[in-house]
């Protein structure tokens, strides 16, 4: 792995960068934490001999990310990266979820209250944190035990080690809510085998822990019942060597067996149907496949596509396809544009309609605008991908200061 190879050089840079980076960050604009009295309770910290653990702690909300959590995570990770006494970092969730993604209901309420700027701040902070993860100077371990959705995957998958369990459920449900797979999803989904990424992005189908191992979204698998032993072992490590961490994680690994009914056993038909250039062609291919094979999978996939926002389907497909040829930072800049357009309602209110239908009123009957694929114009789609105006700055990532360390 490129990160593992570069780690030795990166470690030597950390102590040298520590004082200057800390001084620079002290003058950067910070969120107003006063409005979040319990911010430290939302992301708690465990200190260990040579490591730190960040624990997402909103179990009643399945650890959904809000502004305070994203800002605290970013601030913690920056400080830990600069601390030469910390060898590696771990992240996990409390309760039955790792992280269910962004707190869509909070975003919905903020915009309805006219507070669009706070929504923009959330996406900016979140995407910057994802970029930090993707260029982190120290080994990072994410324990994806339980529900892992959308942005929840985005804050974990760029790291060096991703541990999944028999309780892991991975899903990108955004098109069903009038949004798009974000927080780096167009980067990691586009790099899955064949056209599996397009399938997952458009249908919102789930993967379990074994499937995540099989398609290399995850690096290690263990049973949920063994996690306490895994964490105890990691907590005793006094090292920053990726090879030692790797050995410790592998020690508690379990054999995995892919179910014959897994979507990964259907990669040939997935490629045949989801390799097309347009959503209409994908639907036609699925309908032909369903007619020829009588496979229930085709019927289910068609149902999911027809329930999703037509505009979101087209935007998401284009985003994944562009992500195939872009770096993580380029994907995040593009996803930031799409996200700001989605919450601004310049083209459509599908995000708010999707959240209303699925999470607020729960009538599961969204009224999409436009209501059909044929009514989605090229100009509508292009608007989501166009550079932001001078009054809305683009997402600025510190590529010049971080990327050289990752060569």
Foldseek 3Di string as FASTA:
>chain_A
DLLQVLLVVLLVCQQVCQVVVVVVVVPDDADDCVVPPCLCQQWDWDDFQAEIETEGHPQVQLSADFQSPLRVLQVVLVNLSNDSSHQEYEYAYPDQFRYAYHPLVVLLVCVVVVNLVRVLSSLLSLLQLLVCQLQRSFAYEYEGGHEQEASSLLNHQSGDAYEFAQRHKYWYLVQLQVAFRASLLLQVLLPWPANNSLLRGQQRDIDHPLVCVVRVSHDFYAYPVCVVVLVVQVRPDSHRNPVVNVVSRRVRGDDDDDDCPDVVVVNVLCNQQRVDDAPVSSLVSLVVVCVVPVDVVSVSSNVSNLSGALLRSGLRSVLSVVSNPDDSVVSSLLSSLLVSCQSVCPQHVSNSQSCCCCPNVVVSDGCHVVNDNVPDDPVSSVNSRDADDPVDHTNDHPCVVRVVSSD
